Structure formats: structure tokens, C-alpha cells
Amino acid sequence: MTSFFLTFCLSFIFSIQSFFYALWAVFILSYSLLCLLIGSRNCSPRDYQECNGNIGFGWIDKEPDEHNSNVVLEADCAHICMKNGLCDVWQYDSLSQTCNMFSGSFSDMVTLDSDGTASGRKMLIGARSCSSDFFKPVLGACNGQMAWNNNWPQAYRSFDQYKTVATCARACSIDPMCLSWYVWDGQGDCEFSQLPL
């Protein structure tokens, strides 16, 4: 009787152990099937390369292969390029809010203002792996040109996304057309002007 009971208990324990092993295997299999591709916001799965500073104010002397209209932010243009299988270089036209896309080498088609000048309007340009979120333009000194004022010229660009002084100033710094910016007492939208203070 004791031998039978012992055999029964051991069989029961092994059955429970096998059950938990099977349950663990199912969990691992389910987890592997549910795994997601994860990347930081400036990472693209297509032939990702480091940005390597391939972003800045400059010119491209060719027509874009594609373009998207009504692109509100520079960062949106960079993200559109990342999702486009043919886009290697993006160019943001802040006056028309157009994202221009090009295929080819950044170094072969782009003239940055740090390297010289070219004809046409200067715009923000980046390689597909470069997001404007991380662009740090080289700017001159403020020279005290910041003050409270009630008069403002016609704005060419307005944002409801930016309502603080810091975010508005940052947005102006990555738009080569922006020479002055304002936020109404920190409450209203951020607006840009092409006229200096």
C-alpha cells in the first residue's frame, strides 16, 4: 500500500512538473512571436547609417524626386523621408511647408552654408537618418535683441505646437528664413518673421 501511494505521489509530482515545463515553453514561444522591432526615434530599419552631421542649412541644385505638401514641422519631413524607400536626402521648404525628397548621396548633391554659397533659397537639409530634433545650428550672439513689444510685422509661419519662449526660439533657430520670433506673453502661438528686430 505504501509503495503504491509513493508511486502515485511521484507520478503526480512529475506530471505537475511536466505541466509547468510545457506552460513555460508555451510562454516563451508566445513571447517570441510577440516581439517587436524597437528603435529610437531617429532610427530607420532601411539601411540605417549614422547621421554623421549630414544636416544643416544649404542648397540642392536639382529638382526633387518627390515632395509632400502641408508638412508643418521640419521633424515631420525627416520622418517622411525615413519611411520612404527611395528617399536618401530631405529638404524642408519652410515658406511653403513642403518636404522635398531626393535619392542619391548627401555629399554629392548638397552644398552646406559652412562650405560656401549657391544660388537659390537656403533651406534645412538632412540625410534620411538625420532628424531635425537633434540639429544644433551654429548661431551668432543674441546681442540683447530680445524685449517686450506690442508691434509685430506679418508672420510667415505660425505654430500652435509651441507656446513657450524656449520652444519658439528653438524652432526659429532651425528655420533659415526666420530672423525673429514672438510668443504673445507665453500664452499665444509661436510666430516667425523674415524681418530682423
N, C-alpha and C. Protein backbone atom coordinates (compact mmCIF):
# COMPACT_ATOMS: atom_id res chain seq x y z
N MET A 1 0.83 -1.20 0.00
CA MET A 1 0.00 0.00 0.00
C MET A 1 0.87 1.26 0.00
N THR A 2 1.91 1.20 0.87
CA THR A 2 2.82 2.35 0.95
C THR A 2 3.54 2.55 -0.37
N SER A 3 3.97 1.45 -0.98
CA SER A 3 4.67 1.52 -2.27
C SER A 3 3.77 2.12 -3.35
N PHE A 4 2.50 1.72 -3.35
CA PHE A 4 1.55 2.25 -4.32
C PHE A 4 1.35 3.75 -4.13
N PHE A 5 1.21 4.15 -2.85
CA PHE A 5 0.99 5.56 -2.54
C PHE A 5 2.21 6.39 -2.95
N LEU A 6 3.42 5.86 -2.69
CA LEU A 6 4.64 6.56 -3.06
C LEU A 6 4.76 6.71 -4.57
N THR A 7 4.44 5.63 -5.28
CA THR A 7 4.47 5.68 -6.75
C THR A 7 3.48 6.70 -7.28
N PHE A 8 2.30 6.74 -6.69
CA PHE A 8 1.26 7.68 -7.09
C PHE A 8 1.72 9.12 -6.88
N CYS A 9 2.33 9.37 -5.70
CA CYS A 9 2.79 10.73 -5.39
C CYS A 9 3.89 11.18 -6.35
N LEU A 10 4.84 10.27 -6.62
CA LEU A 10 5.92 10.62 -7.54
C LEU A 10 5.39 10.90 -8.95
N SER A 11 4.45 10.08 -9.39
CA SER A 11 3.84 10.29 -10.71
C SER A 11 3.13 11.63 -10.77
N PHE A 12 2.44 11.96 -9.68
CA PHE A 12 1.70 13.22 -9.62
C PHE A 12 2.67 14.41 -9.69
N ILE A 13 3.78 14.30 -8.93
CA ILE A 13 4.78 15.38 -8.92
C ILE A 13 5.39 15.56 -10.31
N PHE A 14 5.75 14.43 -10.96
CA PHE A 14 6.33 14.52 -12.31
C PHE A 14 5.32 15.10 -13.31
N SER A 15 4.05 14.76 -13.13
CA SER A 15 3.01 15.30 -14.01
C SER A 15 2.90 16.81 -13.85
N ILE A 16 2.91 17.27 -12.58
CA ILE A 16 2.85 18.71 -12.32
C ILE A 16 4.07 19.41 -12.90
N GLN A 17 5.24 18.80 -12.71
CA GLN A 17 6.48 19.38 -13.23
C GLN A 17 6.45 19.47 -14.76
N SER A 18 5.98 18.41 -15.40
CA SER A 18 5.87 18.41 -16.87
C SER A 18 4.89 19.47 -17.34
N PHE A 19 3.81 19.64 -16.58
CA PHE A 19 2.81 20.66 -16.93
C PHE A 19 3.43 22.05 -16.91
N PHE A 20 4.22 22.34 -15.85
CA PHE A 20 4.83 23.66 -15.74
C PHE A 20 5.91 23.88 -16.81
N TYR A 21 6.64 22.82 -17.15
CA TYR A 21 7.61 22.92 -18.25
C TYR A 21 6.90 23.25 -19.57
N ALA A 22 5.78 22.58 -19.80
CA ALA A 22 5.01 22.82 -21.03
C ALA A 22 4.46 24.24 -21.03
N LEU A 23 3.97 24.68 -19.87
CA LEU A 23 3.43 26.04 -19.75
C LEU A 23 4.53 27.07 -20.01
N TRP A 24 5.72 26.83 -19.49
CA TRP A 24 6.86 27.72 -19.71
C TRP A 24 7.25 27.77 -21.18
N ALA A 25 7.23 26.62 -21.83
CA ALA A 25 7.57 26.56 -23.26
C ALA A 25 6.56 27.36 -24.08
N VAL A 26 5.28 27.23 -23.74
CA VAL A 26 4.23 27.99 -24.44
C VAL A 26 4.44 29.49 -24.23
N PHE A 27 4.79 29.87 -23.00
CA PHE A 27 5.03 31.29 -22.70
C PHE A 27 6.19 31.84 -23.53
N ILE A 28 7.30 31.07 -23.57
CA ILE A 28 8.47 31.51 -24.34
C ILE A 28 8.13 31.62 -25.82
N LEU A 29 7.41 30.65 -26.36
CA LEU A 29 7.03 30.67 -27.77
C LEU A 29 6.12 31.86 -28.06
N SER A 30 5.16 32.10 -27.18
CA SER A 30 4.24 33.23 -27.37
C SER A 30 5.01 34.54 -27.32
N TYR A 31 5.95 34.65 -26.40
CA TYR A 31 6.73 35.87 -26.26
C TYR A 31 7.56 36.14 -27.51
N SER A 32 8.15 35.06 -28.05
CA SER A 32 8.98 35.23 -29.25
C SER A 32 8.14 35.65 -30.45
N LEU A 33 6.89 35.19 -30.49
CA LEU A 33 6.01 35.58 -31.60
C LEU A 33 5.52 37.01 -31.46
N LEU A 34 5.51 37.53 -30.22
CA LEU A 34 5.01 38.87 -29.98
C LEU A 34 6.10 39.93 -29.94
N CYS A 35 7.36 39.55 -30.13
CA CYS A 35 8.46 40.51 -30.08
C CYS A 35 8.29 41.57 -31.16
N LEU A 36 8.64 42.80 -30.82
CA LEU A 36 8.50 43.93 -31.72
C LEU A 36 9.87 44.46 -32.11
N LEU A 37 9.94 45.05 -33.28
CA LEU A 37 11.14 45.78 -33.66
C LEU A 37 11.13 47.10 -32.91
N ILE A 38 12.19 47.40 -32.21
CA ILE A 38 12.23 48.59 -31.38
C ILE A 38 13.43 49.43 -31.78
N GLY A 39 13.22 50.72 -31.90
CA GLY A 39 14.32 51.63 -32.22
C GLY A 39 14.04 53.01 -31.67
N SER A 40 15.07 53.80 -31.48
CA SER A 40 14.86 55.17 -31.03
C SER A 40 14.27 55.99 -32.17
N ARG A 41 13.83 57.20 -31.88
CA ARG A 41 13.02 57.96 -32.84
C ARG A 41 13.77 58.34 -34.11
N ASN A 42 15.10 58.35 -34.09
CA ASN A 42 15.84 58.69 -35.31
C ASN A 42 16.39 57.46 -36.02
N CYS A 43 15.89 56.28 -35.67
CA CYS A 43 16.38 55.05 -36.29
C CYS A 43 15.38 54.53 -37.32
N SER A 44 15.87 54.16 -38.47
CA SER A 44 15.05 53.59 -39.53
C SER A 44 15.56 52.20 -39.84
N PRO A 45 14.67 51.26 -40.15
CA PRO A 45 15.13 49.90 -40.43
C PRO A 45 15.80 49.73 -41.79
N ARG A 46 15.65 50.72 -42.72
CA ARG A 46 16.20 50.53 -44.06
C ARG A 46 17.62 51.08 -44.14
N ASP A 47 18.57 50.20 -44.26
CA ASP A 47 19.97 50.60 -44.47
C ASP A 47 20.39 51.73 -43.54
N TYR A 48 20.11 51.57 -42.26
CA TYR A 48 20.41 52.66 -41.33
C TYR A 48 21.90 52.95 -41.26
N GLN A 49 22.21 54.21 -41.34
CA GLN A 49 23.59 54.67 -41.18
C GLN A 49 23.58 55.81 -40.18
N GLU A 50 24.71 56.05 -39.56
CA GLU A 50 24.81 57.17 -38.63
C GLU A 50 24.57 58.48 -39.38
N CYS A 51 24.02 59.45 -38.67
CA CYS A 51 23.77 60.76 -39.27
C CYS A 51 25.08 61.43 -39.68
N ASN A 52 26.09 61.33 -38.83
CA ASN A 52 27.43 61.87 -39.13
C ASN A 52 27.42 63.35 -39.50
N GLY A 53 26.51 64.11 -38.91
CA GLY A 53 26.48 65.54 -39.15
C GLY A 53 25.97 65.95 -40.52
N ASN A 54 25.34 65.02 -41.25
CA ASN A 54 24.83 65.34 -42.58
C ASN A 54 23.48 66.05 -42.48
N ILE A 55 23.49 67.21 -41.86
CA ILE A 55 22.30 68.04 -41.73
C ILE A 55 22.76 69.48 -41.56
N GLY A 56 22.03 70.40 -42.14
CA GLY A 56 22.38 71.81 -41.99
C GLY A 56 21.65 72.69 -42.99
N PHE A 57 21.95 73.98 -42.93
CA PHE A 57 21.38 74.93 -43.87
C PHE A 57 22.19 74.86 -45.16
N GLY A 58 21.49 74.81 -46.30
CA GLY A 58 22.22 74.74 -47.55
C GLY A 58 21.33 74.69 -48.77
N TRP A 59 21.89 74.20 -49.87
CA TRP A 59 21.22 74.23 -51.17
C TRP A 59 21.37 72.88 -51.87
N ILE A 60 20.39 72.55 -52.71
CA ILE A 60 20.47 71.40 -53.61
C ILE A 60 20.13 71.89 -55.01
N ASP A 61 21.03 71.67 -55.95
CA ASP A 61 20.87 72.18 -57.31
C ASP A 61 20.26 71.12 -58.22
N LYS A 62 19.11 70.61 -57.86
CA LYS A 62 18.38 69.66 -58.70
C LYS A 62 16.93 69.61 -58.23
N GLU A 63 16.06 69.14 -59.11
CA GLU A 63 14.65 69.03 -58.76
C GLU A 63 14.43 67.81 -57.87
N PRO A 64 13.51 67.90 -56.91
CA PRO A 64 13.26 66.75 -56.04
C PRO A 64 12.61 65.60 -56.79
N ASP A 65 12.90 64.39 -56.34
CA ASP A 65 12.26 63.20 -56.93
C ASP A 65 10.80 63.10 -56.49
N GLU A 66 10.54 63.53 -55.27
CA GLU A 66 9.17 63.54 -54.73
C GLU A 66 9.05 64.71 -53.77
N HIS A 67 7.80 65.09 -53.47
CA HIS A 67 7.59 66.10 -52.44
C HIS A 67 6.23 65.89 -51.78
N ASN A 68 6.14 66.32 -50.54
CA ASN A 68 4.88 66.30 -49.80
C ASN A 68 4.54 67.71 -49.38
N SER A 69 3.29 68.11 -49.58
CA SER A 69 2.84 69.45 -49.18
C SER A 69 2.22 69.39 -47.79
N ASN A 70 2.01 70.57 -47.22
CA ASN A 70 1.36 70.71 -45.91
C ASN A 70 2.10 69.95 -44.81
N VAL A 71 3.42 70.01 -44.85
CA VAL A 71 4.24 69.40 -43.80
C VAL A 71 4.59 70.52 -42.81
N VAL A 72 4.05 70.45 -41.62
CA VAL A 72 4.10 71.57 -40.69
C VAL A 72 5.48 71.76 -40.06
N LEU A 73 6.16 70.67 -39.72
CA LEU A 73 7.41 70.76 -38.99
C LEU A 73 8.58 70.11 -39.73
N GLU A 74 9.78 70.60 -39.47
CA GLU A 74 10.98 70.02 -40.05
C GLU A 74 11.11 68.55 -39.66
N ALA A 75 10.81 68.24 -38.41
CA ALA A 75 10.91 66.85 -37.93
C ALA A 75 9.97 65.93 -38.71
N ASP A 76 8.81 66.46 -39.10
CA ASP A 76 7.87 65.66 -39.90
C ASP A 76 8.49 65.29 -41.24
N CYS A 77 9.22 66.23 -41.84
CA CYS A 77 9.87 65.97 -43.13
C CYS A 77 10.91 64.87 -43.00
N ALA A 78 11.70 64.94 -41.94
CA ALA A 78 12.71 63.90 -41.71
C ALA A 78 12.06 62.54 -41.55
N HIS A 79 10.94 62.48 -40.84
CA HIS A 79 10.26 61.21 -40.61
C HIS A 79 9.61 60.68 -41.89
N ILE A 80 9.09 61.57 -42.73
CA ILE A 80 8.52 61.16 -44.01
C ILE A 80 9.61 60.52 -44.88
N CYS A 81 10.79 61.13 -44.88
CA CYS A 81 11.91 60.58 -45.66
C CYS A 81 12.30 59.20 -45.14
N MET A 82 12.33 59.03 -43.83
CA MET A 82 12.72 57.75 -43.25
C MET A 82 11.77 56.63 -43.67
N LYS A 83 10.51 56.99 -43.87
CA LYS A 83 9.51 55.98 -44.24
C LYS A 83 9.45 55.71 -45.74
N ASN A 84 10.15 56.54 -46.52
CA ASN A 84 10.11 56.42 -47.97
C ASN A 84 11.33 55.61 -48.44
N GLY A 85 11.08 54.51 -49.11
CA GLY A 85 12.16 53.63 -49.54
C GLY A 85 13.11 54.24 -50.55
N LEU A 86 12.70 55.32 -51.23
CA LEU A 86 13.54 55.94 -52.26
C LEU A 86 14.24 57.20 -51.77
N CYS A 87 13.91 57.65 -50.57
CA CYS A 87 14.45 58.92 -50.07
C CYS A 87 15.77 58.72 -49.35
N ASP A 88 16.79 59.43 -49.81
CA ASP A 88 18.09 59.44 -49.13
C ASP A 88 18.38 60.78 -48.46
N VAL A 89 17.79 61.84 -49.02
CA VAL A 89 18.03 63.20 -48.52
C VAL A 89 16.70 63.95 -48.51
N TRP A 90 16.44 64.69 -47.43
CA TRP A 90 15.23 65.52 -47.37
C TRP A 90 15.64 67.00 -47.29
N GLN A 91 14.73 67.83 -47.80
CA GLN A 91 14.94 69.28 -47.80
C GLN A 91 13.61 69.92 -47.40
N TYR A 92 13.65 70.78 -46.37
CA TYR A 92 12.40 71.37 -45.89
C TYR A 92 12.29 72.83 -46.32
N ASP A 93 11.22 73.13 -47.07
CA ASP A 93 10.92 74.49 -47.50
C ASP A 93 9.93 75.09 -46.50
N SER A 94 10.42 75.93 -45.61
CA SER A 94 9.57 76.45 -44.54
C SER A 94 8.54 77.46 -45.03
N LEU A 95 8.81 78.15 -46.14
CA LEU A 95 7.85 79.14 -46.63
C LEU A 95 6.60 78.48 -47.20
N SER A 96 6.78 77.37 -47.91
CA SER A 96 5.63 76.67 -48.49
C SER A 96 5.23 75.44 -47.68
N GLN A 97 5.98 75.16 -46.61
CA GLN A 97 5.76 73.97 -45.78
C GLN A 97 5.72 72.70 -46.64
N THR A 98 6.76 72.58 -47.47
CA THR A 98 6.88 71.44 -48.38
C THR A 98 8.11 70.62 -48.02
N CYS A 99 7.96 69.31 -48.04
CA CYS A 99 9.07 68.40 -47.80
C CYS A 99 9.53 67.84 -49.14
N ASN A 100 10.73 68.20 -49.57
CA ASN A 100 11.31 67.70 -50.81
C ASN A 100 12.19 66.49 -50.51
N MET A 101 12.10 65.47 -51.36
CA MET A 101 12.87 64.24 -51.15
C MET A 101 13.71 63.91 -52.38
N PHE A 102 14.93 63.44 -52.13
CA PHE A 102 15.88 63.16 -53.19
C PHE A 102 16.51 61.79 -52.96
N SER A 103 16.89 61.13 -54.05
CA SER A 103 17.68 59.91 -53.95
C SER A 103 19.10 60.24 -54.39
N GLY A 104 20.06 59.66 -53.72
CA GLY A 104 21.45 59.93 -54.04
C GLY A 104 22.25 60.26 -52.80
N SER A 105 23.52 60.54 -53.01
CA SER A 105 24.44 60.80 -51.90
C SER A 105 24.31 62.23 -51.39
N PHE A 106 24.25 62.39 -50.08
CA PHE A 106 24.17 63.71 -49.46
C PHE A 106 25.36 64.57 -49.88
N SER A 107 26.56 64.02 -49.80
CA SER A 107 27.76 64.80 -50.10
C SER A 107 27.85 65.21 -51.57
N ASP A 108 27.24 64.43 -52.46
CA ASP A 108 27.30 64.74 -53.89
C ASP A 108 26.32 65.83 -54.31
N MET A 109 25.21 65.96 -53.60
CA MET A 109 24.18 66.90 -54.07
C MET A 109 23.99 68.13 -53.19
N VAL A 110 24.52 68.13 -51.98
CA VAL A 110 24.23 69.22 -51.04
C VAL A 110 25.43 70.14 -50.89
N THR A 111 25.16 71.45 -50.94
CA THR A 111 26.16 72.46 -50.58
C THR A 111 25.70 73.11 -49.29
N LEU A 112 26.40 72.86 -48.20
CA LEU A 112 26.06 73.46 -46.92
C LEU A 112 26.64 74.86 -46.83
N ASP A 113 25.98 75.75 -46.08
CA ASP A 113 26.47 77.12 -46.00
C ASP A 113 27.83 77.20 -45.29
N SER A 114 28.18 76.16 -44.55
CA SER A 114 29.51 76.12 -43.93
C SER A 114 30.60 75.86 -44.97
N ASP A 115 30.20 75.36 -46.14
CA ASP A 115 31.16 75.05 -47.21
C ASP A 115 31.19 76.10 -48.31
N GLY A 116 30.24 77.02 -48.30
CA GLY A 116 30.18 78.03 -49.36
C GLY A 116 28.75 78.46 -49.59
N THR A 117 28.50 79.09 -50.73
CA THR A 117 27.15 79.53 -51.08
C THR A 117 26.77 78.99 -52.45
N ALA A 118 25.48 79.03 -52.72
CA ALA A 118 24.97 78.59 -54.01
C ALA A 118 23.75 79.43 -54.35
N SER A 119 23.24 79.27 -55.56
CA SER A 119 22.08 80.05 -55.97
C SER A 119 20.81 79.45 -55.38
N GLY A 120 19.79 80.28 -55.28
CA GLY A 120 18.52 79.80 -54.75
C GLY A 120 18.38 80.09 -53.26
N ARG A 121 17.29 79.62 -52.71
CA ARG A 121 16.98 79.88 -51.30
C ARG A 121 17.58 78.82 -50.41
N LYS A 122 18.18 79.27 -49.33
CA LYS A 122 18.79 78.36 -48.36
C LYS A 122 17.70 77.67 -47.54
N MET A 123 17.81 76.35 -47.38
CA MET A 123 16.82 75.57 -46.63
C MET A 123 17.53 74.60 -45.69
N LEU A 124 16.77 74.01 -44.79
CA LEU A 124 17.31 72.97 -43.93
C LEU A 124 17.29 71.65 -44.68
N ILE A 125 18.44 70.98 -44.73
CA ILE A 125 18.60 69.74 -45.50
C ILE A 125 19.23 68.69 -44.59
N GLY A 126 18.77 67.45 -44.72
CA GLY A 126 19.36 66.39 -43.92
C GLY A 126 19.35 65.06 -44.64
N ALA A 127 20.31 64.20 -44.28
CA ALA A 127 20.29 62.82 -44.76
C ALA A 127 19.14 62.10 -44.07
N ARG A 128 18.71 60.99 -44.65
CA ARG A 128 17.50 60.31 -44.17
C ARG A 128 17.60 59.88 -42.71
N SER A 129 18.78 59.64 -42.21
CA SER A 129 18.93 59.21 -40.82
C SER A 129 19.11 60.38 -39.85
N CYS A 130 19.04 61.61 -40.38
CA CYS A 130 19.22 62.80 -39.53
C CYS A 130 17.88 63.46 -39.25
N SER A 131 17.54 63.58 -38.00
CA SER A 131 16.31 64.24 -37.61
C SER A 131 16.61 65.67 -37.17
N SER A 132 15.72 66.59 -37.50
CA SER A 132 15.91 67.98 -37.10
C SER A 132 15.82 68.13 -35.59
N ASP A 133 15.28 67.13 -34.90
CA ASP A 133 15.19 67.19 -33.44
C ASP A 133 16.57 67.35 -32.80
N PHE A 134 17.59 66.82 -33.47
CA PHE A 134 18.93 66.84 -32.91
C PHE A 134 19.85 67.85 -33.60
N PHE A 135 19.31 68.67 -34.51
CA PHE A 135 20.13 69.64 -35.23
C PHE A 135 20.49 70.80 -34.30
N LYS A 136 21.78 71.11 -34.23
CA LYS A 136 22.24 72.22 -33.41
C LYS A 136 22.94 73.24 -34.30
N PRO A 137 22.20 74.23 -34.78
CA PRO A 137 22.80 75.21 -35.68
C PRO A 137 23.82 76.09 -34.97
N VAL A 138 24.80 76.56 -35.74
CA VAL A 138 25.78 77.50 -35.20
C VAL A 138 25.20 78.89 -35.38
N LEU A 139 24.87 79.54 -34.29
CA LEU A 139 24.19 80.84 -34.35
C LEU A 139 25.08 81.93 -33.79
N GLY A 140 24.80 83.15 -34.22
CA GLY A 140 25.52 84.29 -33.69
C GLY A 140 25.01 84.66 -32.31
N ALA A 141 25.64 85.68 -31.73
CA ALA A 141 25.24 86.11 -30.39
C ALA A 141 23.89 86.82 -30.44
N CYS A 142 23.17 86.76 -29.34
CA CYS A 142 21.86 87.41 -29.25
C CYS A 142 22.01 88.93 -29.29
N ASN A 143 23.08 89.46 -28.67
CA ASN A 143 23.33 90.91 -28.64
C ASN A 143 22.18 91.70 -28.03
N GLY A 144 21.49 91.09 -27.10
CA GLY A 144 20.42 91.80 -26.40
C GLY A 144 19.19 92.06 -27.23
N GLN A 145 19.06 91.43 -28.40
CA GLN A 145 17.92 91.71 -29.28
C GLN A 145 16.71 90.87 -28.87
N MET A 146 16.23 91.15 -27.67
CA MET A 146 15.06 90.46 -27.15
C MET A 146 14.39 91.39 -26.15
N ALA A 147 13.12 91.65 -26.33
CA ALA A 147 12.43 92.60 -25.46
C ALA A 147 10.93 92.44 -25.61
N TRP A 148 10.18 93.03 -24.69
CA TRP A 148 8.72 93.07 -24.81
C TRP A 148 8.34 94.13 -25.83
N ASN A 149 7.37 93.82 -26.69
CA ASN A 149 6.95 94.76 -27.72
C ASN A 149 5.52 94.44 -28.13
N ASN A 150 4.76 95.47 -28.47
CA ASN A 150 3.38 95.27 -28.91
C ASN A 150 3.23 95.25 -30.42
N ASN A 151 4.25 95.66 -31.13
CA ASN A 151 4.18 95.74 -32.59
C ASN A 151 4.89 94.54 -33.21
N TRP A 152 4.28 94.00 -34.25
CA TRP A 152 4.88 92.84 -34.89
C TRP A 152 4.54 92.81 -36.36
N PRO A 153 5.53 92.59 -37.23
CA PRO A 153 5.26 92.51 -38.67
C PRO A 153 4.51 91.22 -39.02
N GLN A 154 4.05 91.15 -40.24
CA GLN A 154 3.30 89.98 -40.70
C GLN A 154 4.14 88.72 -40.58
N ALA A 155 3.58 87.72 -39.92
CA ALA A 155 4.29 86.45 -39.75
C ALA A 155 4.12 85.59 -41.00
N TYR A 156 5.14 84.82 -41.34
CA TYR A 156 5.03 83.91 -42.48
C TYR A 156 4.81 82.47 -42.02
N ARG A 157 4.96 82.22 -40.73
CA ARG A 157 4.83 80.86 -40.22
C ARG A 157 4.33 80.93 -38.78
N SER A 158 3.35 80.10 -38.46
CA SER A 158 2.75 80.12 -37.13
C SER A 158 2.57 78.69 -36.63
N PHE A 159 2.79 78.49 -35.33
CA PHE A 159 2.69 77.17 -34.73
C PHE A 159 1.76 77.21 -33.52
N ASP A 160 0.87 76.27 -33.44
CA ASP A 160 0.14 76.11 -32.18
C ASP A 160 0.79 75.04 -31.31
N GLN A 161 1.84 74.37 -31.85
CA GLN A 161 2.55 73.34 -31.08
C GLN A 161 3.49 73.97 -30.05
N TYR A 162 3.99 75.18 -30.35
CA TYR A 162 4.98 75.81 -29.49
C TYR A 162 4.36 77.03 -28.81
N LYS A 163 4.27 76.99 -27.50
CA LYS A 163 3.66 78.09 -26.77
C LYS A 163 4.57 78.67 -25.69
N THR A 164 5.81 78.19 -25.64
CA THR A 164 6.76 78.73 -24.67
C THR A 164 7.88 79.45 -25.41
N VAL A 165 8.54 80.33 -24.70
CA VAL A 165 9.64 81.09 -25.29
C VAL A 165 10.75 80.16 -25.78
N ALA A 166 11.10 79.18 -24.96
CA ALA A 166 12.21 78.29 -25.31
C ALA A 166 11.93 77.47 -26.56
N THR A 167 10.73 76.91 -26.67
CA THR A 167 10.41 76.07 -27.84
C THR A 167 10.26 76.92 -29.10
N CYS A 168 9.74 78.14 -28.96
CA CYS A 168 9.60 79.03 -30.11
C CYS A 168 10.97 79.47 -30.62
N ALA A 169 11.86 79.83 -29.70
CA ALA A 169 13.21 80.25 -30.08
C ALA A 169 13.96 79.10 -30.75
N ARG A 170 13.80 77.90 -30.22
CA ARG A 170 14.45 76.72 -30.82
C ARG A 170 13.93 76.48 -32.23
N ALA A 171 12.61 76.58 -32.42
CA ALA A 171 12.02 76.36 -33.74
C ALA A 171 12.53 77.38 -34.75
N CYS A 172 12.69 78.63 -34.32
CA CYS A 172 13.22 79.67 -35.21
C CYS A 172 14.66 79.37 -35.60
N SER A 173 15.43 78.81 -34.67
CA SER A 173 16.86 78.58 -34.92
C SER A 173 17.11 77.53 -36.00
N ILE A 174 16.12 76.65 -36.28
CA ILE A 174 16.34 75.64 -37.31
C ILE A 174 15.63 75.98 -38.61
N ASP A 175 15.10 77.20 -38.71
CA ASP A 175 14.49 77.69 -39.95
C ASP A 175 15.36 78.82 -40.49
N PRO A 176 16.09 78.61 -41.58
CA PRO A 176 17.00 79.65 -42.08
C PRO A 176 16.29 80.92 -42.54
N MET A 177 14.98 80.87 -42.75
CA MET A 177 14.22 82.06 -43.15
C MET A 177 13.82 82.91 -41.94
N CYS A 178 13.86 82.34 -40.75
CA CYS A 178 13.38 83.03 -39.55
C CYS A 178 14.46 83.96 -39.00
N LEU A 179 14.14 85.26 -38.97
CA LEU A 179 15.07 86.24 -38.41
C LEU A 179 14.60 86.77 -37.07
N SER A 180 13.32 86.59 -36.77
CA SER A 180 12.80 86.98 -35.46
C SER A 180 11.53 86.19 -35.17
N TRP A 181 11.23 86.03 -33.91
CA TRP A 181 10.10 85.20 -33.47
C TRP A 181 9.37 85.91 -32.34
N TYR A 182 8.14 85.52 -32.09
CA TYR A 182 7.46 86.02 -30.89
C TYR A 182 6.42 85.03 -30.37
N VAL A 183 6.18 85.13 -29.08
CA VAL A 183 5.09 84.42 -28.41
C VAL A 183 4.37 85.47 -27.58
N TRP A 184 3.07 85.57 -27.73
CA TRP A 184 2.31 86.58 -27.00
C TRP A 184 2.27 86.25 -25.52
N ASP A 185 3.21 86.84 -24.76
CA ASP A 185 3.23 86.70 -23.30
C ASP A 185 3.22 85.24 -22.87
N GLY A 186 3.79 84.38 -23.69
CA GLY A 186 3.86 82.97 -23.35
C GLY A 186 2.54 82.24 -23.42
N GLN A 187 1.51 82.90 -23.97
CA GLN A 187 0.18 82.29 -24.00
C GLN A 187 -0.27 81.92 -25.40
N GLY A 188 0.13 82.73 -26.38
CA GLY A 188 -0.35 82.51 -27.75
C GLY A 188 0.56 81.60 -28.54
N ASP A 189 0.27 81.51 -29.84
CA ASP A 189 1.08 80.68 -30.72
C ASP A 189 2.45 81.32 -30.96
N CYS A 190 3.36 80.50 -31.41
CA CYS A 190 4.69 80.96 -31.80
C CYS A 190 4.63 81.40 -33.26
N GLU A 191 5.16 82.59 -33.57
CA GLU A 191 5.13 83.08 -34.94
C GLU A 191 6.51 83.58 -35.35
N PHE A 192 6.79 83.43 -36.67
CA PHE A 192 8.08 83.79 -37.23
C PHE A 192 7.94 84.96 -38.20
N SER A 193 8.98 85.78 -38.26
CA SER A 193 9.05 86.86 -39.24
C SER A 193 10.38 86.77 -39.98
N GLN A 194 10.38 87.25 -41.23
CA GLN A 194 11.62 87.33 -42.01
C GLN A 194 12.32 88.66 -41.81
N LEU A 195 11.77 89.51 -40.95
CA LEU A 195 12.37 90.81 -40.67
C LEU A 195 13.14 90.74 -39.35
N PRO A 196 14.35 91.31 -39.32
CA PRO A 196 15.11 91.33 -38.06
C PRO A 196 14.51 92.32 -37.08
N LEU A 197 14.84 92.18 -35.82
CA LEU A 197 14.37 93.15 -34.82
C LEU A 197 15.09 94.47 -35.00
